[in-house]
Amino acid sequence: HLAVELRNNFRSLHYMVVTGHTDRLGGDAYNEALSLERANTVRDLLVQQGLDRKLIRTAGMGKRQPVVSDCEGSRSTPALLQCLQPNRRVELDIAGEQ
């Protein structure tokens, strides 16, 4: 559990930013909403595991910050979905005292 690791590794947690990302398939509005939903889901899980909700901020980046950009094609094929998978992610930025 991430929350347990955070409590074990940080004496004090100042804040955390949870940022959701999507791949390039789909429209901008859809991807913006989906990326924020991903971040909010992770936040909610961390809160369920005992972290203070007030310390967790969420953001959705949509498809603006891909980690993989050399995937060919524009139709949603299994090969393209697999290639783009690393872009569908949530990143955590954590500030605290260890």
Protein backbone atom coordinates (compact mmCIF):
# COMPACT_ATOMS: atom_id res chain seq x y z
CA HIS A 1 0.00 0.00 0.00
CA LEU A 2 1.34 3.37 -0.99
CA ALA A 3 -0.16 5.11 2.04
CA VAL A 4 1.71 2.74 4.39
CA GLU A 5 4.99 3.38 2.56
CA LEU A 6 4.43 7.13 2.74
CA ARG A 7 3.77 6.96 6.49
CA ASN A 8 6.85 4.76 6.98
CA ASN A 9 9.17 6.92 4.85
CA PHE A 10 8.03 10.43 5.80
CA ARG A 11 8.01 11.87 9.31
CA SER A 12 5.75 14.61 8.02
CA LEU A 13 3.83 14.90 4.75
CA HIS A 14 3.47 18.52 3.60
CA TYR A 15 1.46 17.91 0.44
CA MET A 16 1.03 15.62 -2.52
CA VAL A 17 0.02 16.41 -6.10
CA VAL A 18 -1.62 13.55 -7.99
CA THR A 19 -1.62 14.16 -11.76
CA GLY A 20 -3.54 12.01 -14.20
CA HIS A 21 -2.58 11.52 -17.87
CA THR A 22 -4.14 9.90 -20.94
CA ASP A 23 -2.99 8.71 -24.33
CA ARG A 24 -3.66 10.74 -27.49
CA LEU A 25 -6.77 8.82 -28.57
CA GLY A 26 -10.06 10.62 -28.03
CA GLY A 27 -11.01 14.27 -27.93
CA ASP A 28 -9.42 16.94 -25.77
CA ALA A 29 -12.44 17.41 -23.46
CA TYR A 30 -12.81 13.65 -22.95
CA ASN A 31 -9.11 13.22 -22.14
CA GLU A 32 -9.09 16.20 -19.76
CA ALA A 33 -12.01 14.72 -17.82
CA LEU A 34 -10.55 11.20 -17.86
CA SER A 35 -7.14 12.32 -16.62
CA LEU A 36 -8.70 14.25 -13.72
CA GLU A 37 -10.90 11.25 -12.92
CA ARG A 38 -7.79 9.06 -12.74
CA ALA A 39 -6.10 11.48 -10.35
CA ASN A 40 -9.22 11.76 -8.19
CA THR A 41 -9.51 7.96 -7.99
CA VAL A 42 -5.94 7.67 -6.70
CA ARG A 43 -6.56 10.50 -4.22
CA ASP A 44 -9.71 8.78 -2.95
CA LEU A 45 -7.83 5.49 -2.49
CA LEU A 46 -5.09 7.24 -0.52
CA VAL A 47 -7.69 8.94 1.68
CA GLN A 48 -9.38 5.57 2.27
CA GLN A 49 -5.97 4.30 3.41
CA GLY A 50 -5.71 7.06 6.01
CA LEU A 51 -3.99 10.00 4.34
CA ASP A 52 -5.37 13.49 4.99
CA ARG A 53 -7.47 14.63 2.01
CA LYS A 54 -6.51 18.26 2.66
CA LEU A 55 -2.88 17.43 1.81
CA ILE A 56 -3.66 15.92 -1.60
CA ARG A 57 -4.22 18.06 -4.69
CA THR A 58 -5.30 16.59 -8.02
CA ALA A 59 -4.77 17.70 -11.61
CA GLY A 60 -5.54 16.31 -15.05
CA MET A 61 -3.13 16.87 -17.92
CA GLY A 62 -5.09 15.00 -20.58
CA LYS A 63 -2.80 14.02 -23.44
CA ARG A 64 -0.43 17.01 -23.18
CA GLN A 65 2.56 15.24 -21.56
CA PRO A 66 3.07 11.87 -23.26
CA VAL A 67 6.02 9.70 -22.25
CA VAL A 68 5.70 7.71 -25.49
CA SER A 69 5.11 9.62 -28.74
CA ASP A 70 6.46 7.38 -31.49
CA CYS A 71 3.42 5.07 -31.80
CA GLU A 72 2.09 4.86 -35.35
CA GLY A 73 -1.57 4.96 -36.29
CA SER A 74 -4.71 6.80 -35.29
CA ARG A 75 -7.25 3.96 -35.03
CA SER A 76 -7.68 2.18 -31.73
CA THR A 77 -6.02 -1.14 -32.58
CA PRO A 78 -4.65 -3.54 -29.93
CA ALA A 79 -1.10 -2.79 -31.08
CA LEU A 80 -1.60 0.99 -30.83
CA LEU A 81 -3.29 0.69 -27.43
CA GLN A 82 -0.37 -1.37 -26.16
CA CYS A 83 2.18 1.08 -27.55
CA LEU A 84 0.39 4.06 -25.95
CA GLN A 85 -0.16 2.33 -22.58
CA PRO A 86 2.68 4.19 -20.76
CA ASN A 87 0.87 7.48 -21.45
CA ARG A 88 -2.18 6.31 -19.47
CA ARG A 89 -0.79 6.93 -16.01
CA VAL A 90 -0.93 8.79 -12.73
CA GLU A 91 2.11 10.57 -11.32
CA LEU A 92 2.68 11.57 -7.70
CA ASP A 93 4.75 14.54 -6.53
CA ILE A 94 5.31 14.32 -2.80
CA ALA A 95 6.72 16.96 -0.45
CA GLY A 96 7.53 16.10 3.12
CA GLU A 97 10.23 15.47 5.70
CA GLN A 98 11.93 12.09 5.73
